[in-house]
Amino acid sequence: MNTKLTLRMDDSLIRAAKEYAKQRGKSVSRIVGEYFLTLGVGQSDEYPITPIAKSLRGALKGHDLDREDYRRHLEQKYL
């Protein structure tokens, strides 16, 4: 059964989320639902976590990484 949920977010984030969903051919609701599933919320046999996803969970725990680290990684990868 699907039930309506209202989320309150910044207008610019909502616009970005809608564009992101549109580019992927999904609804914002579906993307939010899939995100919660990746967190392990409401896990059931209907939506099992794949072995690859399980193996990645907690892989960066204890590492002090931030947005700048990720930016540097992308620069090295694509430049």
PDB file of N, CA and C in Angstrom:
ATOM      1  N   MET A   1       0.841  -1.177   0.000  1.00  0.00           N
ATOM      2  CA  MET A   1       0.000   0.000   0.000  1.00  0.00           C
ATOM      3  C   MET A   1       0.890   1.245   0.000  1.00  0.00           C
ATOM      4  N   ASN A   2       0.598   2.187  -0.847  1.00  0.00           N
ATOM      5  CA  ASN A   2       1.321   3.455  -0.898  1.00  0.00           C
ATOM      6  C   ASN A   2       0.555   4.508  -0.120  1.00  0.00           C
ATOM      7  N   THR A   3       1.263   5.284   0.660  1.00  0.00           N
ATOM      8  CA  THR A   3       0.686   6.351   1.457  1.00  0.00           C
ATOM      9  C   THR A   3       1.431   7.633   1.146  1.00  0.00           C
ATOM     10  N   LYS A   4       0.697   8.727   1.123  1.00  0.00           N
ATOM     11  CA  LYS A   4       1.293  10.023   0.821  1.00  0.00           C
ATOM     12  C   LYS A   4       2.134  10.512   1.990  1.00  0.00           C
ATOM     13  N   LEU A   5       3.286  11.112   1.660  1.00  0.00           N
ATOM     14  CA  LEU A   5       4.180  11.698   2.651  1.00  0.00           C
ATOM     15  C   LEU A   5       4.561  13.083   2.156  1.00  0.00           C
ATOM     16  N   THR A   6       4.481  14.065   3.006  1.00  0.00           N
ATOM     17  CA  THR A   6       4.864  15.426   2.643  1.00  0.00           C
ATOM     18  C   THR A   6       6.229  15.736   3.235  1.00  0.00           C
ATOM     19  N   LEU A   7       7.146  16.216   2.399  1.00  0.00           N
ATOM     20  CA  LEU A   7       8.472  16.615   2.852  1.00  0.00           C
ATOM     21  C   LEU A   7       8.618  18.112   2.645  1.00  0.00           C
ATOM     22  N   ARG A   8       9.211  18.777   3.599  1.00  0.00           N
ATOM     23  CA  ARG A   8       9.472  20.208   3.468  1.00  0.00           C
ATOM     24  C   ARG A   8      10.971  20.399   3.282  1.00  0.00           C
ATOM     25  N   MET A   9      11.310  21.025   2.148  1.00  0.00           N
ATOM     26  CA  MET A   9      12.712  21.257   1.815  1.00  0.00           C
ATOM     27  C   MET A   9      12.845  22.612   1.145  1.00  0.00           C
ATOM     28  N   ASP A  10      14.063  23.065   1.035  1.00  0.00           N
ATOM     29  CA  ASP A  10      14.374  24.305   0.348  1.00  0.00           C
ATOM     30  C   ASP A  10      13.892  24.222  -1.103  1.00  0.00           C
ATOM     31  N   ASP A  11      13.349  25.320  -1.624  1.00  0.00           N
ATOM     32  CA  ASP A  11      12.825  25.356  -2.995  1.00  0.00           C
ATOM     33  C   ASP A  11      13.859  24.923  -4.028  1.00  0.00           C
ATOM     34  N   SER A  12      15.088  25.381  -3.865  1.00  0.00           N
ATOM     35  CA  SER A  12      16.109  25.031  -4.858  1.00  0.00           C
ATOM     36  C   SER A  12      16.433  23.543  -4.814  1.00  0.00           C
ATOM     37  N   LEU A  13      16.387  22.942  -3.635  1.00  0.00           N
ATOM     38  CA  LEU A  13      16.618  21.504  -3.522  1.00  0.00           C
ATOM     39  C   LEU A  13      15.484  20.726  -4.187  1.00  0.00           C
ATOM     40  N   ILE A  14      14.267  21.188  -4.015  1.00  0.00           N
ATOM     41  CA  ILE A  14      13.121  20.531  -4.656  1.00  0.00           C
ATOM     42  C   ILE A  14      13.248  20.600  -6.170  1.00  0.00           C
ATOM     43  N   ARG A  15      13.605  21.762  -6.700  1.00  0.00           N
ATOM     44  CA  ARG A  15      13.776  21.887  -8.157  1.00  0.00           C
ATOM     45  C   ARG A  15      14.866  20.948  -8.658  1.00  0.00           C
ATOM     46  N   ALA A  16      15.974  20.903  -7.929  1.00  0.00           N
ATOM     47  CA  ALA A  16      17.081  20.027  -8.323  1.00  0.00           C
ATOM     48  C   ALA A  16      16.660  18.559  -8.255  1.00  0.00           C
ATOM     49  N   ALA A  17      15.916  18.188  -7.232  1.00  0.00           N
ATOM     50  CA  ALA A  17      15.455  16.804  -7.083  1.00  0.00           C
ATOM     51  C   ALA A  17      14.518  16.418  -8.227  1.00  0.00           C
ATOM     52  N   LYS A  18      13.637  17.336  -8.618  1.00  0.00           N
ATOM     53  CA  LYS A  18      12.716  17.058  -9.728  1.00  0.00           C
ATOM     54  C   LYS A  18      13.478  16.892 -11.036  1.00  0.00           C
ATOM     55  N   GLU A  19      14.470  17.715 -11.257  1.00  0.00           N
ATOM     56  CA  GLU A  19      15.278  17.613 -12.476  1.00  0.00           C
ATOM     57  C   GLU A  19      16.064  16.300 -12.479  1.00  0.00           C
ATOM     58  N   TYR A  20      16.644  15.964 -11.346  1.00  0.00           N
ATOM     59  CA  TYR A  20      17.395  14.714 -11.203  1.00  0.00           C
ATOM     60  C   TYR A  20      16.490  13.520 -11.513  1.00  0.00           C
ATOM     61  N   ALA A  21      15.298  13.535 -10.945  1.00  0.00           N
ATOM     62  CA  ALA A  21      14.351  12.445 -11.167  1.00  0.00           C
ATOM     63  C   ALA A  21      13.924  12.371 -12.637  1.00  0.00           C
ATOM     64  N   LYS A  22      13.662  13.513 -13.222  1.00  0.00           N
ATOM     65  CA  LYS A  22      13.239  13.565 -14.628  1.00  0.00           C
ATOM     66  C   LYS A  22      14.314  12.970 -15.536  1.00  0.00           C
ATOM     67  N   GLN A  23      15.570  13.317 -15.283  1.00  0.00           N
ATOM     68  CA  GLN A  23      16.677  12.809 -16.099  1.00  0.00           C
ATOM     69  C   GLN A  23      16.795  11.296 -16.008  1.00  0.00           C
ATOM     70  N   ARG A  24      16.345  10.730 -14.908  1.00  0.00           N
ATOM     71  CA  ARG A  24      16.453   9.291 -14.705  1.00  0.00           C
ATOM     72  C   ARG A  24      15.149   8.551 -14.981  1.00  0.00           C
ATOM     73  N   GLY A  25      14.118   9.285 -15.369  1.00  0.00           N
ATOM     74  CA  GLY A  25      12.839   8.655 -15.691  1.00  0.00           C
ATOM     75  C   GLY A  25      12.140   8.079 -14.466  1.00  0.00           C
ATOM     76  N   LYS A  26      12.324   8.722 -13.325  1.00  0.00           N
ATOM     77  CA  LYS A  26      11.716   8.265 -12.078  1.00  0.00           C
ATOM     78  C   LYS A  26      11.001   9.429 -11.420  1.00  0.00           C
ATOM     79  N   SER A  27      10.183   9.110 -10.443  1.00  0.00           N
ATOM     80  CA  SER A  27       9.547  10.167  -9.656  1.00  0.00           C
ATOM     81  C   SER A  27      10.442  10.500  -8.464  1.00  0.00           C
ATOM     82  N   VAL A  28      10.250  11.679  -7.918  1.00  0.00           N
ATOM     83  CA  VAL A  28      10.993  12.062  -6.723  1.00  0.00           C
ATOM     84  C   VAL A  28      10.644  11.100  -5.590  1.00  0.00           C
ATOM     85  N   SER A  29       9.391  10.707  -5.503  1.00  0.00           N
ATOM     86  CA  SER A  29       8.969   9.766  -4.463  1.00  0.00           C
ATOM     87  C   SER A  29       9.737   8.453  -4.569  1.00  0.00           C
ATOM     88  N   ARG A  30       9.888   7.964  -5.788  1.00  0.00           N
ATOM     89  CA  ARG A  30      10.604   6.698  -5.968  1.00  0.00           C
ATOM     90  C   ARG A  30      12.069   6.843  -5.566  1.00  0.00           C
ATOM     91  N   ILE A  31      12.686   7.945  -5.946  1.00  0.00           N
ATOM     92  CA  ILE A  31      14.094   8.164  -5.601  1.00  0.00           C
ATOM     93  C   ILE A  31      14.264   8.267  -4.090  1.00  0.00           C
ATOM     94  N   VAL A  32      13.371   8.991  -3.413  1.00  0.00           N
ATOM     95  CA  VAL A  32      13.439   9.099  -1.957  1.00  0.00           C
ATOM     96  C   VAL A  32      13.249   7.722  -1.328  1.00  0.00           C
ATOM     97  N   GLY A  33      12.291   6.961  -1.839  1.00  0.00           N
ATOM     98  CA  GLY A  33      12.060   5.614  -1.324  1.00  0.00           C
ATOM     99  C   GLY A  33      13.272   4.719  -1.504  1.00  0.00           C
ATOM    100  N   GLU A  34      13.889   4.780  -2.691  1.00  0.00           N
ATOM    101  CA  GLU A  34      15.082   3.979  -2.949  1.00  0.00           C
ATOM    102  C   GLU A  34      16.227   4.394  -2.027  1.00  0.00           C
ATOM    103  N   TYR A  35      16.333   5.693  -1.754  1.00  0.00           N
ATOM    104  CA  TYR A  35      17.373   6.173  -0.852  1.00  0.00           C
ATOM    105  C   TYR A  35      17.183   5.571   0.541  1.00  0.00           C
ATOM    106  N   PHE A  36      15.952   5.601   1.046  1.00  0.00           N
ATOM    107  CA  PHE A  36      15.707   5.031   2.363  1.00  0.00           C
ATOM    108  C   PHE A  36      16.012   3.539   2.385  1.00  0.00           C
ATOM    109  N   LEU A  37      15.754   2.863   1.288  1.00  0.00           N
ATOM    110  CA  LEU A  37      16.088   1.443   1.221  1.00  0.00           C
ATOM    111  C   LEU A  37      17.594   1.221   1.302  1.00  0.00           C
ATOM    112  N   THR A  38      18.373   2.114   0.682  1.00  0.00           N
ATOM    113  CA  THR A  38      19.829   1.959   0.760  1.00  0.00           C
ATOM    114  C   THR A  38      20.329   2.147   2.190  1.00  0.00           C
ATOM    115  N   LEU A  39      19.560   2.875   3.001  1.00  0.00           N
ATOM    116  CA  LEU A  39      19.916   3.067   4.403  1.00  0.00           C
ATOM    117  C   LEU A  39      19.489   1.882   5.264  1.00  0.00           C
ATOM    118  N   GLY A  40      18.736   0.970   4.670  1.00  0.00           N
ATOM    119  CA  GLY A  40      18.265  -0.192   5.420  1.00  0.00           C
ATOM    120  C   GLY A  40      16.960   0.051   6.145  1.00  0.00           C
ATOM    121  N   VAL A  41      16.308   1.167   5.849  1.00  0.00           N
ATOM    122  CA  VAL A  41      15.033   1.482   6.491  1.00  0.00           C
ATOM    123  C   VAL A  41      13.938   0.632   5.860  1.00  0.00           C
ATOM    124  N   GLY A  42      13.173  -0.051   6.681  1.00  0.00           N
ATOM    125  CA  GLY A  42      12.040  -0.824   6.183  1.00  0.00           C
ATOM    126  C   GLY A  42      12.431  -1.997   5.314  1.00  0.00           C
ATOM    127  N   GLN A  43      13.579  -2.593   5.565  1.00  0.00           N
ATOM    128  CA  GLN A  43      14.018  -3.721   4.747  1.00  0.00           C
ATOM    129  C   GLN A  43      13.043  -4.879   4.881  1.00  0.00           C
ATOM    130  N   SER A  44      12.798  -5.486   3.765  1.00  0.00           N
ATOM    131  CA  SER A  44      11.953  -6.675   3.733  1.00  0.00           C
ATOM    132  C   SER A  44      12.452  -7.562   2.605  1.00  0.00           C
ATOM    133  N   ASP A  45      11.863  -8.713   2.471  1.00  0.00           N
ATOM    134  CA  ASP A  45      12.241  -9.621   1.387  1.00  0.00           C
ATOM    135  C   ASP A  45      11.913  -9.022   0.027  1.00  0.00           C
ATOM    136  N   GLU A  46      10.974  -8.074  -0.007  1.00  0.00           N
ATOM    137  CA  GLU A  46      10.580  -7.446  -1.263  1.00  0.00           C
ATOM    138  C   GLU A  46      11.699  -6.570  -1.828  1.00  0.00           C
ATOM    139  N   TYR A  47      12.496  -5.953  -0.950  1.00  0.00           N
ATOM    140  CA  TYR A  47      13.574  -5.064  -1.356  1.00  0.00           C
ATOM    141  C   TYR A  47      14.882  -5.460  -0.666  1.00  0.00           C
ATOM    142  N   PRO A  48      15.453  -6.580  -1.040  1.00  0.00           N
ATOM    143  CA  PRO A  48      16.697  -6.984  -0.366  1.00  0.00           C
ATOM    144  C   PRO A  48      17.876  -6.112  -0.795  1.00  0.00           C
ATOM    145  N   ILE A  49      18.830  -5.941   0.116  1.00  0.00           N
ATOM    146  CA  ILE A  49      20.055  -5.224  -0.219  1.00  0.00           C
ATOM    147  C   ILE A  49      20.957  -6.193  -0.964  1.00  0.00           C
ATOM    148  N   THR A  50      21.494  -5.746  -2.077  1.00  0.00           N
ATOM    149  CA  THR A  50      22.354  -6.617  -2.871  1.00  0.00           C
ATOM    150  C   THR A  50      23.666  -6.874  -2.135  1.00  0.00           C
ATOM    151  N   PRO A  51      24.324  -7.976  -2.452  1.00  0.00           N
ATOM    152  CA  PRO A  51      25.603  -8.267  -1.796  1.00  0.00           C
ATOM    153  C   PRO A  51      26.647  -7.169  -1.996  1.00  0.00           C
ATOM    154  N   ILE A  52      26.675  -6.565  -3.172  1.00  0.00           N
ATOM    155  CA  ILE A  52      27.640  -5.489  -3.419  1.00  0.00           C
ATOM    156  C   ILE A  52      27.348  -4.306  -2.510  1.00  0.00           C
ATOM    157  N   ALA A  53      26.075  -3.933  -2.389  1.00  0.00           N
ATOM    158  CA  ALA A  53      25.702  -2.817  -1.521  1.00  0.00           C
ATOM    159  C   ALA A  53      26.052  -3.135  -0.071  1.00  0.00           C
ATOM    160  N   LYS A  54      25.808  -4.369   0.360  1.00  0.00           N
ATOM    161  CA  LYS A  54      26.154  -4.762   1.724  1.00  0.00           C
ATOM    162  C   LYS A  54      27.655  -4.655   1.961  1.00  0.00           C
ATOM    163  N   SER A  55      28.433  -5.027   0.963  1.00  0.00           N
ATOM    164  CA  SER A  55      29.887  -4.997   1.136  1.00  0.00           C
ATOM    165  C   SER A  55      30.420  -3.572   1.239  1.00  0.00           C
ATOM    166  N   LEU A  56      29.707  -2.601   0.668  1.00  0.00           N
ATOM    167  CA  LEU A  56      30.150  -1.211   0.706  1.00  0.00           C
ATOM    168  C   LEU A  56      29.714  -0.471   1.961  1.00  0.00           C
ATOM    169  N   ARG A  57      28.699  -0.971   2.633  1.00  0.00           N
ATOM    170  CA  ARG A  57      28.174  -0.289   3.812  1.00  0.00           C
ATOM    171  C   ARG A  57      29.266  -0.148   4.879  1.00  0.00           C
ATOM    172  N   GLY A  58      29.526   1.078   5.280  1.00  0.00           N
ATOM    173  CA  GLY A  58      30.513   1.359   6.311  1.00  0.00           C
ATOM    174  C   GLY A  58      31.948   1.381   5.813  1.00  0.00           C
ATOM    175  N   ALA A  59      32.157   1.306   4.492  1.00  0.00           N
ATOM    176  CA  ALA A  59      33.514   1.234   3.941  1.00  0.00           C
ATOM    177  C   ALA A  59      34.352   2.465   4.285  1.00  0.00           C
ATOM    178  N   LEU A  60      33.720   3.606   4.447  1.00  0.00           N
ATOM    179  CA  LEU A  60      34.468   4.836   4.744  1.00  0.00           C
ATOM    180  C   LEU A  60      34.383   5.249   6.213  1.00  0.00           C
ATOM    181  N   LYS A  61      33.804   4.393   7.030  1.00  0.00           N
ATOM    182  CA  LYS A  61      33.665   4.722   8.452  1.00  0.00           C
ATOM    183  C   LYS A  61      35.046   4.950   9.068  1.00  0.00           C
ATOM    184  N   GLY A  62      35.171   6.039   9.787  1.00  0.00           N
ATOM    185  CA  GLY A  62      36.432   6.363  10.432  1.00  0.00           C
ATOM    186  C   GLY A  62      37.383   7.170   9.570  1.00  0.00           C
ATOM    187  N   HIS A  63      37.029   7.383   8.306  1.00  0.00           N
ATOM    188  CA  HIS A  63      37.868   8.189   7.425  1.00  0.00           C
ATOM    189  C   HIS A  63      37.382   9.632   7.482  1.00  0.00           C
ATOM    190  N   ASP A  64      38.313  10.545   7.554  1.00  0.00           N
ATOM    191  CA  ASP A  64      37.970  11.960   7.640  1.00  0.00           C
ATOM    192  C   ASP A  64      38.002  12.566   6.232  1.00  0.00           C
ATOM    193  N   LEU A  65      36.934  12.319   5.465  1.00  0.00           N
ATOM    194  CA  LEU A  65      36.834  12.831   4.102  1.00  0.00           C
ATOM    195  C   LEU A  65      35.743  13.890   4.050  1.00  0.00           C
ATOM    196  N   ASP A  66      35.938  14.877   3.172  1.00  0.00           N
ATOM    197  CA  ASP A  66      34.930  15.907   3.023  1.00  0.00           C
ATOM    198  C   ASP A  66      34.719  16.216   1.538  1.00  0.00           C
ATOM    199  N   ARG A  67      33.929  17.216   1.271  1.00  0.00           N
ATOM    200  CA  ARG A  67      33.583  17.607  -0.090  1.00  0.00           C
ATOM    201  C   ARG A  67      34.833  17.966  -0.910  1.00  0.00           C
ATOM    202  N   GLU A  68      35.793  18.599  -0.261  1.00  0.00           N
ATOM    203  CA  GLU A  68      37.030  18.986  -0.939  1.00  0.00           C
ATOM    204  C   GLU A  68      37.822  17.762  -1.390  1.00  0.00           C
ATOM    205  N   ASP A  69      37.837  16.724  -0.569  1.00  0.00           N
ATOM    206  CA  ASP A  69      38.507  15.474  -0.956  1.00  0.00           C
ATOM    207  C   ASP A  69      37.851  14.883  -2.204  1.00  0.00           C
ATOM    208  N   TYR A  70      36.536  14.905  -2.222  1.00  0.00           N
ATOM    209  CA  TYR A  70      35.815  14.369  -3.380  1.00  0.00           C
ATOM    210  C   TYR A  70      36.085  15.215  -4.626  1.00  0.00           C
ATOM    211  N   ARG A  71      36.136  16.534  -4.467  1.00  0.00           N
ATOM    212  CA  ARG A  71      36.431  17.417  -5.599  1.00  0.00           C
ATOM    213  C   ARG A  71      37.803  17.087  -6.173  1.00  0.00           C
ATOM    214  N   ARG A  72      38.793  16.921  -5.309  1.00  0.00           N
ATOM    215  CA  ARG A  72      40.141  16.575  -5.775  1.00  0.00           C
ATOM    216  C   ARG A  72      40.149  15.235  -6.503  1.00  0.00           C
ATOM    217  N   HIS A  73      39.413  14.294  -5.979  1.00  0.00           N
ATOM    218  CA  HIS A  73      39.314  12.983  -6.630  1.00  0.00           C
ATOM    219  C   HIS A  73      38.751  13.121  -8.039  1.00  0.00           C
ATOM    220  N   LEU A  74      37.688  13.902  -8.194  1.00  0.00           N
ATOM    221  CA  LEU A  74      37.098  14.086  -9.518  1.00  0.00           C
ATOM    222  C   LEU A  74      38.031  14.802 -10.468  1.00  0.00           C
ATOM    223  N   GLU A  75      38.767  15.792  -9.973  1.00  0.00           N
ATOM    224  CA  GLU A  75      39.720  16.499 -10.809  1.00  0.00           C
ATOM    225  C   GLU A  75      40.805  15.544 -11.320  1.00  0.00           C
ATOM    226  N   GLN A  76      41.307  14.696 -10.423  1.00  0.00           N
ATOM    227  CA  GLN A  76      42.343  13.742 -10.832  1.00  0.00           C
ATOM    228  C   GLN A  76      41.783  12.718 -11.815  1.00  0.00           C
ATOM    229  N   LYS A  77      40.557  12.337 -11.619  1.00  0.00           N
ATOM    230  CA  LYS A  77      39.960  11.315 -12.471  1.00  0.00           C
ATOM    231  C   LYS A  77      39.649  11.838 -13.874  1.00  0.00           C
ATOM    232  N   TYR A  78      39.151  13.065 -13.968  1.00  0.00           N
ATOM    233  CA  TYR A  78      38.675  13.568 -15.257  1.00  0.00           C
ATOM    234  C   TYR A  78      39.550  14.608 -15.908  1.00  0.00           C
ATOM    235  N   LEU A  79      40.617  15.045 -15.278  1.00  0.00           N
ATOM    236  CA  LEU A  79      41.483  16.041 -15.907  1.00  0.00           C
ATOM    237  C   LEU A  79      42.789  15.429 -16.343  1.00  0.00           C
TER     238      LEU A  79
END
